[in-house]
């Protein structure tokens, strides 16, 4: 629907759906990124969803279901897919890396899993970038270079500067990261997670923090 979001595209489907399938029991229409449809396209689709032919199945896929009109949502059975657990993503990355003869370290796999934020496709994409750019061994440093992510030491240094009430030191660190071409938006996300990890460690212990053994020691 991202590139076919007009009412004419939906009218074409509506005109075709009335014909029964020749070989199979059902006709299945998968509309990806359905939230991109225009209002008129949604209105054209509504009538078909209200009274669909028995042989027709519509699968509406979206990452932003809240943008789909309530009139459409109320006529659908909803399946909400949760994010993939970082530990499961890490395990899968290591399995595939072994099969593909990629020397992927465990810490690198954990970092890729965390950066992909529960999306396995993004994890594969970042791993591919690392393999193409680095070749040989894909370690944590390689992932940080390819992902534009600052070294974890910067996170501790910035938080230590905050504790010491030395904003100039923190700004110098940020300036250094910008000079190295790091993604500052991603650094802010990492810094937010860093403070969350500090709070978790203080409140309930380091076992709730997802990270390497070395990071666990520093948080403790």
N, C-alpha and C. Protein backbone atom coordinates (compact mmCIF):
# COMPACT_ATOMS: atom_id res chain seq x y z
N UNK A 1 0.81 -1.22 0.00
CA UNK A 1 0.00 0.00 0.00
C UNK A 1 0.85 1.27 0.00
N UNK A 2 2.14 1.14 0.32
CA UNK A 2 3.00 2.32 0.34
C UNK A 2 3.12 2.94 -1.04
N UNK A 3 3.17 2.10 -2.08
CA UNK A 3 3.30 2.61 -3.44
C UNK A 3 2.03 2.45 -4.27
N UNK A 4 1.00 1.80 -3.68
CA UNK A 4 -0.29 1.64 -4.38
C UNK A 4 -1.40 2.03 -3.40
N UNK A 5 -1.39 3.31 -3.02
CA UNK A 5 -2.29 3.71 -1.94
C UNK A 5 -3.55 4.43 -2.40
N UNK A 6 -3.76 4.50 -3.70
CA UNK A 6 -4.92 5.22 -4.23
C UNK A 6 -6.18 4.38 -4.30
N UNK A 7 -7.28 5.05 -4.49
CA UNK A 7 -8.57 4.36 -4.54
C UNK A 7 -8.68 3.42 -5.74
N UNK A 8 -8.00 3.74 -6.84
CA UNK A 8 -8.07 2.89 -8.04
C UNK A 8 -7.48 1.50 -7.78
N UNK A 9 -6.42 1.45 -6.98
CA UNK A 9 -5.80 0.15 -6.66
C UNK A 9 -6.77 -0.73 -5.89
N UNK A 10 -7.50 -0.13 -4.95
CA UNK A 10 -8.47 -0.89 -4.15
C UNK A 10 -9.68 -1.28 -5.00
N UNK A 11 -10.09 -0.40 -5.89
CA UNK A 11 -11.22 -0.72 -6.78
C UNK A 11 -10.89 -1.93 -7.66
N UNK A 12 -9.62 -2.01 -8.08
CA UNK A 12 -9.20 -3.15 -8.90
C UNK A 12 -9.33 -4.46 -8.11
N UNK A 13 -8.88 -4.41 -6.85
CA UNK A 13 -9.02 -5.60 -5.99
C UNK A 13 -10.49 -5.93 -5.79
N UNK A 14 -11.29 -4.91 -5.55
CA UNK A 14 -12.72 -5.11 -5.30
C UNK A 14 -13.42 -5.72 -6.51
N UNK A 15 -12.99 -5.33 -7.70
CA UNK A 15 -13.60 -5.88 -8.92
C UNK A 15 -13.19 -7.34 -9.14
N UNK A 16 -11.95 -7.68 -8.71
CA UNK A 16 -11.43 -9.03 -8.94
C UNK A 16 -11.89 -10.04 -7.89
N UNK A 17 -12.16 -9.56 -6.68
CA UNK A 17 -12.40 -10.47 -5.56
C UNK A 17 -13.68 -11.29 -5.73
N UNK A 18 -14.60 -10.81 -6.52
CA UNK A 18 -15.89 -11.53 -6.67
C UNK A 18 -15.73 -12.85 -7.42
N UNK A 19 -14.66 -13.00 -8.19
CA UNK A 19 -14.48 -14.22 -8.97
C UNK A 19 -13.87 -15.32 -8.09
N UNK A 20 -14.46 -16.49 -8.14
CA UNK A 20 -13.97 -17.60 -7.31
C UNK A 20 -12.64 -18.11 -7.85
N UNK A 21 -11.77 -18.62 -6.97
CA UNK A 21 -10.48 -19.16 -7.42
C UNK A 21 -10.68 -20.44 -8.23
N UNK A 22 -9.78 -20.69 -9.16
CA UNK A 22 -9.92 -21.85 -10.05
C UNK A 22 -9.38 -23.12 -9.39
N UNK A 23 -8.17 -23.05 -8.83
CA UNK A 23 -7.53 -24.25 -8.29
C UNK A 23 -7.61 -24.37 -6.78
N UNK A 24 -7.59 -23.26 -6.08
CA UNK A 24 -7.49 -23.29 -4.62
C UNK A 24 -8.84 -22.99 -3.97
N UNK A 25 -8.85 -23.21 -2.65
CA UNK A 25 -10.08 -22.97 -1.90
C UNK A 25 -10.31 -21.48 -1.66
N UNK A 26 -9.21 -20.74 -1.46
CA UNK A 26 -9.31 -19.32 -1.11
C UNK A 26 -8.49 -18.44 -2.05
N UNK A 27 -8.92 -17.20 -2.14
CA UNK A 27 -8.10 -16.13 -2.70
C UNK A 27 -7.60 -15.31 -1.52
N UNK A 28 -6.30 -15.15 -1.42
CA UNK A 28 -5.72 -14.42 -0.29
C UNK A 28 -5.09 -13.12 -0.79
N UNK A 29 -5.53 -12.03 -0.22
CA UNK A 29 -4.98 -10.71 -0.55
C UNK A 29 -4.19 -10.20 0.65
N UNK A 30 -2.89 -10.00 0.45
CA UNK A 30 -2.04 -9.45 1.51
C UNK A 30 -1.72 -8.00 1.16
N UNK A 31 -2.19 -7.08 1.99
CA UNK A 31 -1.93 -5.66 1.76
C UNK A 31 -0.93 -5.20 2.82
N UNK A 32 0.31 -5.01 2.41
CA UNK A 32 1.37 -4.61 3.34
C UNK A 32 1.36 -3.10 3.52
N UNK A 33 1.82 -2.64 4.69
CA UNK A 33 1.84 -1.21 5.02
C UNK A 33 0.46 -0.58 4.77
N UNK A 34 -0.56 -1.26 5.26
CA UNK A 34 -1.94 -0.85 4.94
C UNK A 34 -2.27 0.54 5.47
N UNK A 35 -1.54 1.01 6.49
CA UNK A 35 -1.83 2.34 7.05
C UNK A 35 -1.53 3.46 6.05
N UNK A 36 -0.84 3.12 4.95
CA UNK A 36 -0.50 4.13 3.94
C UNK A 36 -1.64 4.42 2.96
N UNK A 37 -2.71 3.63 3.02
CA UNK A 37 -3.84 3.86 2.11
C UNK A 37 -4.47 5.23 2.36
N UNK A 38 -4.97 5.83 1.30
CA UNK A 38 -5.66 7.11 1.44
C UNK A 38 -7.04 6.88 2.06
N UNK A 39 -7.68 7.95 2.52
CA UNK A 39 -9.02 7.84 3.13
C UNK A 39 -10.02 7.26 2.13
N UNK A 40 -9.93 7.71 0.88
CA UNK A 40 -10.87 7.21 -0.14
C UNK A 40 -10.62 5.73 -0.42
N UNK A 41 -9.35 5.30 -0.36
CA UNK A 41 -9.03 3.89 -0.57
C UNK A 41 -9.58 3.04 0.57
N UNK A 42 -9.45 3.53 1.79
CA UNK A 42 -10.00 2.82 2.95
C UNK A 42 -11.52 2.69 2.81
N UNK A 43 -12.16 3.77 2.38
CA UNK A 43 -13.62 3.73 2.21
C UNK A 43 -14.02 2.72 1.15
N UNK A 44 -13.22 2.62 0.09
CA UNK A 44 -13.51 1.66 -0.97
C UNK A 44 -13.33 0.23 -0.48
N UNK A 45 -12.36 0.03 0.44
CA UNK A 45 -12.08 -1.30 0.97
C UNK A 45 -13.12 -1.73 2.01
N UNK A 46 -13.72 -0.75 2.67
CA UNK A 46 -14.62 -1.04 3.79
C UNK A 46 -15.79 -1.93 3.39
N UNK A 47 -16.41 -1.64 2.28
CA UNK A 47 -17.59 -2.41 1.84
C UNK A 47 -17.23 -3.88 1.63
N UNK A 48 -16.06 -4.13 1.04
CA UNK A 48 -15.62 -5.52 0.80
C UNK A 48 -15.34 -6.23 2.12
N UNK A 49 -14.76 -5.51 3.09
CA UNK A 49 -14.48 -6.13 4.38
C UNK A 49 -15.76 -6.40 5.17
N UNK A 50 -16.78 -5.57 4.93
CA UNK A 50 -18.06 -5.78 5.62
C UNK A 50 -18.77 -7.04 5.12
N UNK A 51 -18.72 -7.25 3.82
CA UNK A 51 -19.41 -8.40 3.22
C UNK A 51 -18.46 -9.12 2.26
N UNK A 52 -17.41 -9.76 2.78
CA UNK A 52 -16.44 -10.42 1.89
C UNK A 52 -17.02 -11.71 1.31
N UNK A 53 -16.66 -12.07 0.09
CA UNK A 53 -17.05 -13.37 -0.46
C UNK A 53 -16.46 -14.49 0.41
N UNK A 54 -17.10 -15.63 0.45
CA UNK A 54 -16.64 -16.73 1.31
C UNK A 54 -15.25 -17.22 0.92
N UNK A 55 -14.88 -17.03 -0.35
CA UNK A 55 -13.58 -17.54 -0.81
C UNK A 55 -12.44 -16.54 -0.63
N UNK A 56 -12.73 -15.37 -0.06
CA UNK A 56 -11.71 -14.32 0.02
C UNK A 56 -11.19 -14.14 1.45
N UNK A 57 -9.87 -14.02 1.56
CA UNK A 57 -9.23 -13.74 2.85
C UNK A 57 -8.34 -12.51 2.66
N UNK A 58 -8.53 -11.53 3.52
CA UNK A 58 -7.69 -10.32 3.49
C UNK A 58 -6.76 -10.31 4.69
N UNK A 59 -5.47 -10.12 4.43
CA UNK A 59 -4.48 -9.96 5.49
C UNK A 59 -3.92 -8.56 5.37
N UNK A 60 -4.18 -7.74 6.37
CA UNK A 60 -3.71 -6.36 6.38
C UNK A 60 -2.53 -6.26 7.34
N UNK A 61 -1.37 -5.97 6.81
CA UNK A 61 -0.15 -5.93 7.63
C UNK A 61 0.31 -4.49 7.81
N UNK A 62 0.72 -4.16 9.02
CA UNK A 62 1.19 -2.80 9.29
C UNK A 62 2.03 -2.77 10.56
N UNK A 63 2.95 -1.83 10.60
CA UNK A 63 3.72 -1.59 11.82
C UNK A 63 3.10 -0.44 12.62
N UNK A 64 2.07 0.20 12.05
CA UNK A 64 1.44 1.35 12.71
C UNK A 64 -0.08 1.19 12.65
N UNK A 65 -0.57 0.18 13.37
CA UNK A 65 -2.00 -0.16 13.30
C UNK A 65 -2.90 0.98 13.81
N UNK A 66 -2.35 1.84 14.68
CA UNK A 66 -3.15 2.94 15.22
C UNK A 66 -3.50 3.99 14.15
N UNK A 67 -2.85 3.89 12.98
CA UNK A 67 -3.17 4.81 11.88
C UNK A 67 -4.29 4.26 10.99
N UNK A 68 -4.68 3.02 11.24
CA UNK A 68 -5.76 2.41 10.46
C UNK A 68 -7.09 2.87 11.04
N UNK A 69 -8.05 3.33 10.22
CA UNK A 69 -9.33 3.82 10.73
C UNK A 69 -10.05 2.78 11.59
N UNK A 70 -10.75 3.26 12.60
CA UNK A 70 -11.49 2.37 13.52
C UNK A 70 -12.51 1.53 12.78
N UNK A 71 -13.08 2.07 11.72
CA UNK A 71 -14.09 1.32 10.96
C UNK A 71 -13.48 0.08 10.31
N UNK A 72 -12.20 0.16 9.95
CA UNK A 72 -11.49 -0.99 9.37
C UNK A 72 -11.08 -1.96 10.49
N UNK A 73 -10.49 -1.42 11.56
CA UNK A 73 -10.02 -2.25 12.67
C UNK A 73 -11.14 -3.09 13.27
N UNK A 74 -12.32 -2.49 13.36
CA UNK A 74 -13.44 -3.19 14.01
C UNK A 74 -13.93 -4.39 13.19
N UNK A 75 -13.53 -4.46 11.93
CA UNK A 75 -13.96 -5.56 11.07
C UNK A 75 -12.84 -6.59 10.85
N UNK A 76 -11.77 -6.44 11.63
CA UNK A 76 -10.63 -7.35 11.48
C UNK A 76 -10.35 -8.09 12.78
N UNK A 77 -9.82 -9.28 12.62
CA UNK A 77 -9.27 -9.99 13.78
C UNK A 77 -7.82 -9.56 13.90
N UNK A 78 -7.43 -9.07 15.07
CA UNK A 78 -6.10 -8.47 15.21
C UNK A 78 -5.11 -9.44 15.85
N UNK A 79 -3.94 -9.52 15.26
CA UNK A 79 -2.83 -10.30 15.81
C UNK A 79 -1.65 -9.34 16.00
N UNK A 80 -1.29 -9.07 17.24
CA UNK A 80 -0.20 -8.15 17.53
C UNK A 80 1.06 -8.96 17.80
N UNK A 81 2.09 -8.74 16.98
CA UNK A 81 3.34 -9.48 17.12
C UNK A 81 4.29 -8.70 18.02
N UNK A 82 4.83 -9.37 19.03
CA UNK A 82 5.74 -8.71 19.94
C UNK A 82 7.15 -8.70 19.37
N UNK A 83 8.00 -7.87 19.94
CA UNK A 83 9.40 -7.81 19.52
C UNK A 83 10.11 -9.12 19.90
N UNK A 84 11.12 -9.46 19.12
CA UNK A 84 11.91 -10.65 19.42
C UNK A 84 12.82 -10.36 20.61
N UNK A 85 12.86 -11.27 21.56
CA UNK A 85 13.70 -11.12 22.73
C UNK A 85 15.17 -11.03 22.31
N UNK A 86 15.94 -10.08 22.87
CA UNK A 86 17.35 -9.93 22.48
C UNK A 86 18.17 -11.22 22.63
N UNK A 87 17.88 -12.00 23.66
CA UNK A 87 18.62 -13.24 23.87
C UNK A 87 18.33 -14.24 22.75
N UNK A 88 17.06 -14.31 22.32
CA UNK A 88 16.68 -15.20 21.22
C UNK A 88 17.30 -14.73 19.91
N UNK A 89 17.31 -13.41 19.69
CA UNK A 89 17.92 -12.85 18.48
C UNK A 89 19.42 -13.14 18.44
N UNK A 90 20.08 -12.97 19.58
CA UNK A 90 21.51 -13.25 19.68
C UNK A 90 21.81 -14.71 19.35
N UNK A 91 21.02 -15.61 19.92
CA UNK A 91 21.21 -17.04 19.68
C UNK A 91 21.06 -17.37 18.20
N UNK A 92 20.04 -16.77 17.56
CA UNK A 92 19.79 -17.03 16.14
C UNK A 92 20.92 -16.47 15.27
N UNK A 93 21.41 -15.29 15.62
CA UNK A 93 22.53 -14.69 14.88
C UNK A 93 23.76 -15.59 14.92
N UNK A 94 24.06 -16.12 16.09
CA UNK A 94 25.23 -16.99 16.25
C UNK A 94 25.05 -18.29 15.47
N UNK A 95 23.83 -18.84 15.46
CA UNK A 95 23.55 -20.09 14.71
C UNK A 95 23.78 -19.88 13.22
N UNK A 96 23.24 -18.79 12.68
CA UNK A 96 23.36 -18.53 11.24
C UNK A 96 24.80 -18.18 10.88
N UNK A 97 25.47 -17.41 11.75
CA UNK A 97 26.87 -17.05 11.50
C UNK A 97 27.74 -18.30 11.40
N UNK A 98 27.46 -19.27 12.25
CA UNK A 98 28.24 -20.51 12.23
C UNK A 98 28.01 -21.26 10.91
N UNK A 99 26.75 -21.32 10.47
CA UNK A 99 26.43 -22.01 9.21
C UNK A 99 27.04 -21.31 8.01
N UNK A 100 27.15 -19.97 8.08
CA UNK A 100 27.67 -19.19 6.96
C UNK A 100 29.18 -18.96 7.07
N UNK A 101 29.80 -19.62 8.05
CA UNK A 101 31.25 -19.47 8.28
C UNK A 101 31.66 -18.02 8.55
N UNK A 102 30.81 -17.31 9.31
CA UNK A 102 31.12 -15.95 9.73
C UNK A 102 31.61 -16.01 11.18
N UNK A 103 32.78 -15.45 11.42
CA UNK A 103 33.34 -15.45 12.77
C UNK A 103 32.73 -14.30 13.57
N UNK A 104 31.59 -14.58 14.18
CA UNK A 104 30.85 -13.57 14.94
C UNK A 104 31.03 -13.83 16.43
N UNK A 105 31.54 -12.84 17.15
CA UNK A 105 31.74 -13.04 18.58
C UNK A 105 30.41 -12.91 19.32
N UNK A 106 30.36 -13.48 20.52
CA UNK A 106 29.11 -13.47 21.30
C UNK A 106 28.72 -12.04 21.70
N UNK A 107 29.70 -11.23 22.08
CA UNK A 107 29.40 -9.84 22.46
C UNK A 107 28.88 -9.04 21.27
N UNK A 108 29.44 -9.32 20.07
CA UNK A 108 28.98 -8.63 18.86
C UNK A 108 27.54 -9.01 18.54
N UNK A 109 27.23 -10.29 18.68
CA UNK A 109 25.86 -10.76 18.43
C UNK A 109 24.89 -10.12 19.41
N UNK A 110 25.31 -10.00 20.68
CA UNK A 110 24.45 -9.38 21.69
C UNK A 110 24.20 -7.91 21.37
N UNK A 111 25.24 -7.21 20.89
CA UNK A 111 25.09 -5.79 20.55
C UNK A 111 24.19 -5.62 19.33
N UNK A 112 24.36 -6.46 18.32
CA UNK A 112 23.48 -6.40 17.14
C UNK A 112 22.03 -6.63 17.54
N UNK A 113 21.82 -7.63 18.40
CA UNK A 113 20.46 -7.95 18.86
C UNK A 113 19.84 -6.76 19.59
N UNK A 114 20.65 -6.08 20.39
CA UNK A 114 20.13 -4.94 21.15
C UNK A 114 19.82 -3.76 20.22
N UNK A 115 20.72 -3.50 19.26
CA UNK A 115 20.52 -2.37 18.36
C UNK A 115 19.34 -2.57 17.42
N UNK A 116 19.05 -3.82 17.09
CA UNK A 116 17.94 -4.10 16.16
C UNK A 116 16.59 -3.95 16.83
N UNK A 117 16.57 -3.84 18.16
CA UNK A 117 15.34 -3.54 18.90
C UNK A 117 14.19 -4.48 18.56
N UNK A 118 14.49 -5.78 18.55
CA UNK A 118 13.43 -6.78 18.37
C UNK A 118 13.05 -7.06 16.94
N UNK A 119 13.74 -6.45 15.96
CA UNK A 119 13.43 -6.67 14.54
C UNK A 119 14.55 -7.51 13.92
N UNK A 120 14.26 -8.76 13.62
CA UNK A 120 15.30 -9.67 13.11
C UNK A 120 15.82 -9.22 11.75
N UNK A 121 14.96 -8.65 10.95
CA UNK A 121 15.40 -8.17 9.63
C UNK A 121 16.48 -7.11 9.78
N UNK A 122 16.31 -6.20 10.75
CA UNK A 122 17.32 -5.17 10.99
C UNK A 122 18.62 -5.79 11.50
N UNK A 123 18.49 -6.86 12.29
CA UNK A 123 19.68 -7.55 12.79
C UNK A 123 20.48 -8.16 11.65
N UNK A 124 19.77 -8.82 10.71
CA UNK A 124 20.46 -9.41 9.53
C UNK A 124 21.14 -8.31 8.72
N UNK A 125 20.45 -7.19 8.55
CA UNK A 125 20.98 -6.09 7.75
C UNK A 125 22.28 -5.54 8.35
N UNK A 126 22.29 -5.36 9.68
CA UNK A 126 23.48 -4.85 10.33
C UNK A 126 24.62 -5.86 10.27
N UNK A 127 24.30 -7.14 10.44
CA UNK A 127 25.33 -8.18 10.33
C UNK A 127 25.93 -8.20 8.93
N UNK A 128 25.08 -8.08 7.90
CA UNK A 128 25.57 -8.03 6.51
C UNK A 128 26.52 -6.85 6.30
N UNK A 129 26.17 -5.69 6.86
CA UNK A 129 27.02 -4.51 6.73
C UNK A 129 28.39 -4.76 7.36
N UNK A 130 28.36 -5.38 8.54
CA UNK A 130 29.61 -5.65 9.24
C UNK A 130 30.50 -6.63 8.46
N UNK A 131 29.89 -7.65 7.91
CA UNK A 131 30.66 -8.65 7.14
C UNK A 131 31.26 -8.00 5.90
N UNK A 132 30.45 -7.17 5.21
CA UNK A 132 30.92 -6.50 3.99
C UNK A 132 32.05 -5.52 4.29
N UNK A 133 31.91 -4.79 5.39
CA UNK A 133 32.88 -3.74 5.69
C UNK A 133 34.14 -4.28 6.36
N UNK A 134 33.97 -5.27 7.21
CA UNK A 134 35.08 -5.72 8.04
C UNK A 134 35.72 -7.01 7.51
N UNK A 135 34.86 -7.94 7.03
CA UNK A 135 35.38 -9.26 6.66
C UNK A 135 35.95 -9.94 7.90
N UNK A 136 36.51 -11.09 7.77
CA UNK A 136 37.16 -11.77 8.90
C UNK A 136 36.26 -11.87 10.10
N UNK A 137 36.76 -11.41 11.24
CA UNK A 137 36.02 -11.50 12.50
C UNK A 137 35.12 -10.27 12.69
N UNK A 138 33.87 -10.54 13.04
CA UNK A 138 32.95 -9.46 13.38
C UNK A 138 32.86 -9.41 14.90
N UNK A 139 33.56 -8.44 15.49
CA UNK A 139 33.53 -8.31 16.95
C UNK A 139 32.71 -7.08 17.35
N UNK A 140 32.70 -6.79 18.63
CA UNK A 140 31.88 -5.68 19.13
C UNK A 140 32.32 -4.35 18.54
N UNK A 141 33.62 -4.14 18.40
CA UNK A 141 34.13 -2.88 17.82
C UNK A 141 33.68 -2.71 16.37
N UNK A 142 33.67 -3.82 15.62
CA UNK A 142 33.22 -3.76 14.22
C UNK A 142 31.76 -3.36 14.13
N UNK A 143 30.94 -3.90 15.03
CA UNK A 143 29.51 -3.56 15.04
C UNK A 143 29.33 -2.09 15.38
N UNK A 144 30.12 -1.60 16.34
CA UNK A 144 30.00 -0.19 16.73
C UNK A 144 30.41 0.72 15.57
N UNK A 145 31.46 0.33 14.83
CA UNK A 145 31.90 1.15 13.68
C UNK A 145 30.82 1.18 12.60
N UNK A 146 30.28 0.02 12.27
CA UNK A 146 29.29 -0.06 11.18
C UNK A 146 27.95 0.55 11.58
N UNK A 147 27.62 0.43 12.87
CA UNK A 147 26.33 0.94 13.33
C UNK A 147 26.37 2.39 13.79
N UNK A 148 27.57 3.00 13.73
CA UNK A 148 27.70 4.39 14.17
C UNK A 148 27.45 4.54 15.66
N UNK A 149 27.79 3.49 16.42
CA UNK A 149 27.51 3.47 17.85
C UNK A 149 28.79 3.76 18.63
N UNK A 150 28.66 4.61 19.64
CA UNK A 150 29.82 4.96 20.46
C UNK A 150 30.21 3.79 21.35
N UNK A 151 31.49 3.75 21.68
CA UNK A 151 31.97 2.74 22.62
C UNK A 151 31.28 2.92 23.97
N UNK A 152 31.00 1.79 24.64
CA UNK A 152 30.29 1.85 25.91
C UNK A 152 30.99 2.70 26.95
N UNK A 153 32.31 2.85 26.83
CA UNK A 153 33.06 3.67 27.78
C UNK A 153 32.59 5.11 27.79
N UNK A 154 32.12 5.61 26.63
CA UNK A 154 31.63 6.98 26.56
C UNK A 154 30.41 7.18 27.44
N UNK A 155 29.56 6.16 27.51
CA UNK A 155 28.35 6.25 28.32
C UNK A 155 28.71 6.44 29.79
N UNK A 156 29.66 5.63 30.26
CA UNK A 156 30.09 5.75 31.65
C UNK A 156 30.79 7.09 31.89
N UNK A 157 31.57 7.53 30.92
CA UNK A 157 32.30 8.80 31.07
C UNK A 157 31.34 9.98 31.16
N UNK A 158 30.29 9.97 30.31
CA UNK A 158 29.32 11.07 30.34
C UNK A 158 28.55 11.08 31.66
N UNK A 159 28.14 9.90 32.13
CA UNK A 159 27.40 9.84 33.39
C UNK A 159 28.29 10.22 34.57
N UNK A 160 29.58 9.87 34.50
CA UNK A 160 30.52 10.27 35.56
C UNK A 160 30.73 11.79 35.56
N UNK A 161 30.75 12.39 34.36
CA UNK A 161 30.87 13.85 34.27
C UNK A 161 29.64 14.53 34.87
N UNK A 162 28.48 13.91 34.69
CA UNK A 162 27.24 14.45 35.26
C UNK A 162 27.29 14.39 36.79
N UNK A 163 27.77 13.25 37.31
CA UNK A 163 27.88 13.09 38.77
C UNK A 163 28.83 14.14 39.34
N UNK A 164 29.93 14.40 38.63
CA UNK A 164 30.94 15.36 39.09
C UNK A 164 30.53 16.81 38.82
N UNK A 165 29.34 16.98 38.20
CA UNK A 165 28.85 18.32 37.83
C UNK A 165 29.85 19.06 36.95
N UNK A 166 30.32 18.37 35.92
CA UNK A 166 31.27 18.95 34.98
C UNK A 166 30.69 18.89 33.56
N UNK A 167 29.74 19.78 33.24
CA UNK A 167 29.11 19.76 31.92
C UNK A 167 30.11 19.94 30.77
N UNK A 168 31.17 20.69 31.02
CA UNK A 168 32.16 20.92 29.96
C UNK A 168 32.80 19.60 29.54
N UNK A 169 33.07 18.72 30.51
CA UNK A 169 33.66 17.42 30.19
C UNK A 169 32.71 16.59 29.33
N UNK A 170 31.43 16.64 29.69
CA UNK A 170 30.43 15.89 28.92
C UNK A 170 30.33 16.42 27.49
N UNK A 171 30.37 17.74 27.34
CA UNK A 171 30.28 18.35 26.01
C UNK A 171 31.51 18.02 25.17
N UNK A 172 32.68 17.96 25.81
CA UNK A 172 33.90 17.58 25.09
C UNK A 172 33.78 16.16 24.55
N UNK A 173 33.19 15.26 25.35
CA UNK A 173 33.00 13.88 24.91
C UNK A 173 32.05 13.82 23.72
N UNK A 174 30.96 14.60 23.78
CA UNK A 174 30.01 14.64 22.67
C UNK A 174 30.66 15.19 21.41
N UNK A 175 31.47 16.23 21.58
CA UNK A 175 32.18 16.83 20.45
C UNK A 175 33.12 15.80 19.81
N UNK A 176 33.75 15.00 20.65
CA UNK A 176 34.66 13.95 20.17
C UNK A 176 33.89 12.91 19.36
N UNK A 177 32.70 12.55 19.84
CA UNK A 177 31.87 11.57 19.13
C UNK A 177 31.42 12.10 17.77
N UNK A 178 31.03 13.39 17.75
CA UNK A 178 30.62 14.01 16.48
C UNK A 178 31.78 14.01 15.50
N UNK A 179 32.97 14.31 16.01
CA UNK A 179 34.17 14.31 15.17
C UNK A 179 34.47 12.95 14.58
N UNK A 180 34.09 11.90 15.29
CA UNK A 180 34.31 10.53 14.81
C UNK A 180 33.17 10.04 13.91
N UNK A 181 32.18 10.92 13.69
CA UNK A 181 31.08 10.56 12.79
C UNK A 181 30.05 9.63 13.41
N UNK A 182 29.97 9.62 14.74
CA UNK A 182 29.00 8.75 15.40
C UNK A 182 27.59 9.34 15.30
N UNK A 183 26.60 8.46 15.35
CA UNK A 183 25.20 8.86 15.28
C UNK A 183 24.78 9.35 16.66
N UNK A 184 24.60 10.67 16.81
CA UNK A 184 24.29 11.24 18.12
C UNK A 184 22.89 10.84 18.59
N UNK A 185 21.94 10.72 17.67
CA UNK A 185 20.59 10.29 18.06
C UNK A 185 20.64 8.90 18.69
N UNK A 186 21.44 8.03 18.08
CA UNK A 186 21.59 6.68 18.63
C UNK A 186 22.32 6.73 19.97
N UNK A 187 23.29 7.66 20.10
CA UNK A 187 24.01 7.78 21.36
C UNK A 187 23.06 8.20 22.48
N UNK A 188 22.13 9.11 22.17
CA UNK A 188 21.15 9.54 23.19
C UNK A 188 20.28 8.35 23.60
N UNK A 189 19.88 7.52 22.63
CA UNK A 189 19.10 6.32 22.95
C UNK A 189 19.90 5.39 23.85
N UNK A 190 21.18 5.21 23.52
CA UNK A 190 22.06 4.35 24.32
C UNK A 190 22.25 4.93 25.73
N UNK A 191 22.35 6.26 25.81
CA UNK A 191 22.53 6.91 27.10
C UNK A 191 21.28 6.74 27.98
N UNK A 192 20.11 6.82 27.36
CA UNK A 192 18.86 6.58 28.08
C UNK A 192 18.82 5.16 28.64
N UNK A 193 19.20 4.21 27.80
CA UNK A 193 19.26 2.81 28.24
C UNK A 193 20.30 2.63 29.34
N UNK A 194 21.41 3.34 29.22
CA UNK A 194 22.48 3.28 30.21
C UNK A 194 21.97 3.71 31.59
N UNK A 195 21.24 4.84 31.64
CA UNK A 195 20.70 5.31 32.92
C UNK A 195 19.64 4.34 33.46
N UNK A 196 18.89 3.75 32.55
CA UNK A 196 17.92 2.73 32.98
C UNK A 196 18.64 1.56 33.63
N UNK A 197 19.75 1.14 33.02
CA UNK A 197 20.53 0.03 33.58
C UNK A 197 21.08 0.37 34.96
N UNK A 198 21.51 1.62 35.12
CA UNK A 198 22.02 2.06 36.43
C UNK A 198 20.90 1.96 37.48
N UNK A 199 19.70 2.44 37.11
CA UNK A 199 18.58 2.41 38.04
C UNK A 199 18.18 0.97 38.38
N UNK A 200 18.18 0.11 37.36
CA UNK A 200 17.84 -1.30 37.59
C UNK A 200 18.84 -1.97 38.51
N UNK A 201 20.13 -1.69 38.27
CA UNK A 201 21.17 -2.29 39.10
C UNK A 201 21.02 -1.86 40.55
N UNK A 202 20.72 -0.58 40.74
CA UNK A 202 20.56 -0.07 42.10
C UNK A 202 19.32 -0.64 42.78
N UNK A 203 18.24 -0.79 42.00
CA UNK A 203 16.96 -1.20 42.58
C UNK A 203 16.86 -2.70 42.83
N UNK A 204 17.26 -3.50 41.82
CA UNK A 204 17.03 -4.95 41.93
C UNK A 204 18.25 -5.80 41.60
N UNK A 205 19.36 -5.19 41.25
CA UNK A 205 20.56 -5.97 40.96
C UNK A 205 20.85 -6.06 39.48
N UNK A 206 22.08 -6.45 39.17
CA UNK A 206 22.58 -6.42 37.79
C UNK A 206 22.00 -7.53 36.93
N UNK A 207 21.35 -8.52 37.52
CA UNK A 207 20.83 -9.65 36.75
C UNK A 207 19.75 -9.23 35.75
N UNK A 208 19.12 -8.08 35.99
CA UNK A 208 18.08 -7.59 35.08
C UNK A 208 18.65 -6.79 33.92
N UNK A 209 19.94 -6.52 33.94
CA UNK A 209 20.60 -5.72 32.90
C UNK A 209 21.11 -6.64 31.80
N UNK A 210 20.75 -6.33 30.56
CA UNK A 210 21.25 -7.10 29.43
C UNK A 210 22.56 -6.48 28.97
N UNK A 211 23.66 -7.23 29.11
CA UNK A 211 24.96 -6.71 28.72
C UNK A 211 26.04 -7.75 28.91
N UNK A 212 27.26 -7.34 28.65
CA UNK A 212 28.39 -8.25 28.78
C UNK A 212 28.80 -8.36 30.24
N UNK A 213 29.66 -9.33 30.55
CA UNK A 213 30.16 -9.50 31.93
C UNK A 213 30.91 -8.25 32.39
N UNK A 214 31.67 -7.67 31.47
CA UNK A 214 32.43 -6.46 31.81
C UNK A 214 31.48 -5.29 32.15
N UNK A 215 30.40 -5.15 31.38
CA UNK A 215 29.43 -4.09 31.65
C UNK A 215 28.75 -4.34 32.99
N UNK A 216 28.43 -5.60 33.27
CA UNK A 216 27.81 -5.93 34.56
C UNK A 216 28.70 -5.51 35.73
N UNK A 217 30.01 -5.73 35.58
CA UNK A 217 30.95 -5.34 36.65
C UNK A 217 30.94 -3.84 36.84
N UNK A 218 30.93 -3.09 35.73
CA UNK A 218 30.98 -1.63 35.83
C UNK A 218 29.69 -1.09 36.43
N UNK A 219 28.55 -1.66 36.05
CA UNK A 219 27.28 -1.21 36.64
C UNK A 219 27.23 -1.50 38.13
N UNK A 220 27.71 -2.66 38.51
CA UNK A 220 27.73 -3.01 39.94
C UNK A 220 28.64 -2.05 40.71
